[in-house]
Amino acid sequence: MPKSPLRKKEKPYIPESVAHAAPVPTESPKWLAPVMVGAFIAGLIWIVIFYVSATAYPIPNIGAWNMVVGFGFIALGFSLATQWR
């Protein structure tokens, strides 16, 4: 049986902007981990103080919005955790 002829494969086209793109950093900035952990701890402490003080502290005049502030710190920690390498 005769051998079929081989075809030459064309090289895929890579745009210049992609070919010479800056490399992705392989390591997180040094400040990221401490700020992330600090945000988690600050949110946890904020919520614990809110419950222990019978909803009077950390900011007395905003009431239950103190929970939103505490969870805001925790959400900040989670958003920073997505950037950690």
Protein backbone atom coordinates (compact mmCIF):
# COMPACT_ATOMS: atom_id res chain seq x y z
CA MET A 1 0.00 0.00 0.00
CA PRO A 2 1.51 3.40 -0.91
CA LYS A 3 2.33 5.90 1.81
CA SER A 4 0.22 9.06 1.83
CA PRO A 5 2.07 12.35 1.30
CA LEU A 6 2.84 14.39 4.43
CA ARG A 7 1.41 17.86 4.73
CA LYS A 8 3.34 20.75 6.17
CA LYS A 9 1.61 22.34 9.14
CA GLU A 10 1.35 26.09 9.21
CA LYS A 11 2.57 27.88 12.31
CA PRO A 12 -0.25 29.53 14.23
CA TYR A 13 -0.35 33.31 14.01
CA ILE A 14 0.48 35.06 17.30
CA PRO A 15 -0.10 38.83 17.39
CA GLU A 16 2.88 40.98 18.36
CA SER A 17 1.04 42.39 21.39
CA VAL A 18 0.60 38.88 22.79
CA ALA A 19 4.03 37.61 21.79
CA HIS A 20 5.82 40.41 23.66
CA ALA A 21 3.43 40.78 26.61
CA ALA A 22 4.84 41.41 30.07
CA PRO A 23 5.10 38.26 32.19
CA VAL A 24 2.65 37.76 35.02
CA PRO A 25 4.31 38.27 38.42
CA THR A 26 4.90 34.96 40.15
CA GLU A 27 4.86 36.25 43.70
CA SER A 28 2.46 38.39 45.72
CA PRO A 29 3.47 41.79 47.04
CA LYS A 30 4.90 41.66 50.57
CA TRP A 31 2.08 43.81 51.99
CA LEU A 32 -0.77 41.60 50.74
CA ALA A 33 -0.72 38.79 53.31
CA PRO A 34 -0.52 41.02 56.42
CA VAL A 35 -3.29 43.32 55.16
CA MET A 36 -5.46 40.32 54.23
CA VAL A 37 -5.07 38.69 57.66
CA GLY A 38 -5.53 42.06 59.35
CA ALA A 39 -8.81 42.65 57.50
CA PHE A 40 -10.10 39.20 58.53
CA ILE A 41 -9.16 39.80 62.18
CA ALA A 42 -10.51 43.38 62.21
CA GLY A 43 -13.87 42.18 60.84
CA LEU A 44 -14.05 39.36 63.34
CA ILE A 45 -13.18 41.63 66.28
CA TRP A 46 -15.67 44.27 65.05
CA ILE A 47 -18.52 41.72 65.00
CA VAL A 48 -17.53 40.20 68.37
CA ILE A 49 -17.45 43.64 70.02
CA PHE A 50 -20.85 44.40 68.49
CA TYR A 51 -22.39 41.26 70.02
CA VAL A 52 -20.60 41.40 73.38
CA SER A 53 -21.56 45.04 73.95
CA ALA A 54 -25.25 44.24 73.31
CA THR A 55 -25.23 46.20 70.02
CA ALA A 56 -23.92 49.41 71.65
CA TYR A 57 -20.39 49.49 70.25
CA PRO A 58 -18.07 49.92 68.15
CA ILE A 59 -20.08 52.84 66.65
CA PRO A 60 -23.11 53.47 68.86
CA ASN A 61 -25.25 55.56 66.53
CA ILE A 62 -25.40 53.24 63.51
CA GLY A 63 -26.92 50.22 65.26
CA ALA A 64 -27.06 47.04 63.20
CA TRP A 65 -25.01 48.63 60.42
CA ASN A 66 -22.02 47.67 62.55
CA MET A 67 -22.56 44.15 61.19
CA VAL A 68 -22.22 45.50 57.63
CA VAL A 69 -18.96 47.22 58.59
CA GLY A 70 -17.60 44.00 60.14
CA PHE A 71 -18.57 41.90 57.15
CA GLY A 72 -17.13 44.61 54.91
CA PHE A 73 -13.72 44.06 56.52
CA ILE A 74 -14.11 40.31 56.02
CA ALA A 75 -15.14 40.82 52.37
CA LEU A 76 -12.05 42.99 51.89
CA GLY A 77 -9.96 40.12 53.26
CA PHE A 78 -11.55 37.67 50.84
CA SER A 79 -11.02 40.00 47.88
CA LEU A 80 -7.35 40.31 48.82
CA ALA A 81 -7.12 36.53 49.21
CA THR A 82 -8.01 36.10 45.54
CA GLN A 83 -4.87 38.05 44.60
CA TRP A 84 -2.53 35.95 46.75
CA ARG A 85 -0.07 33.74 44.86
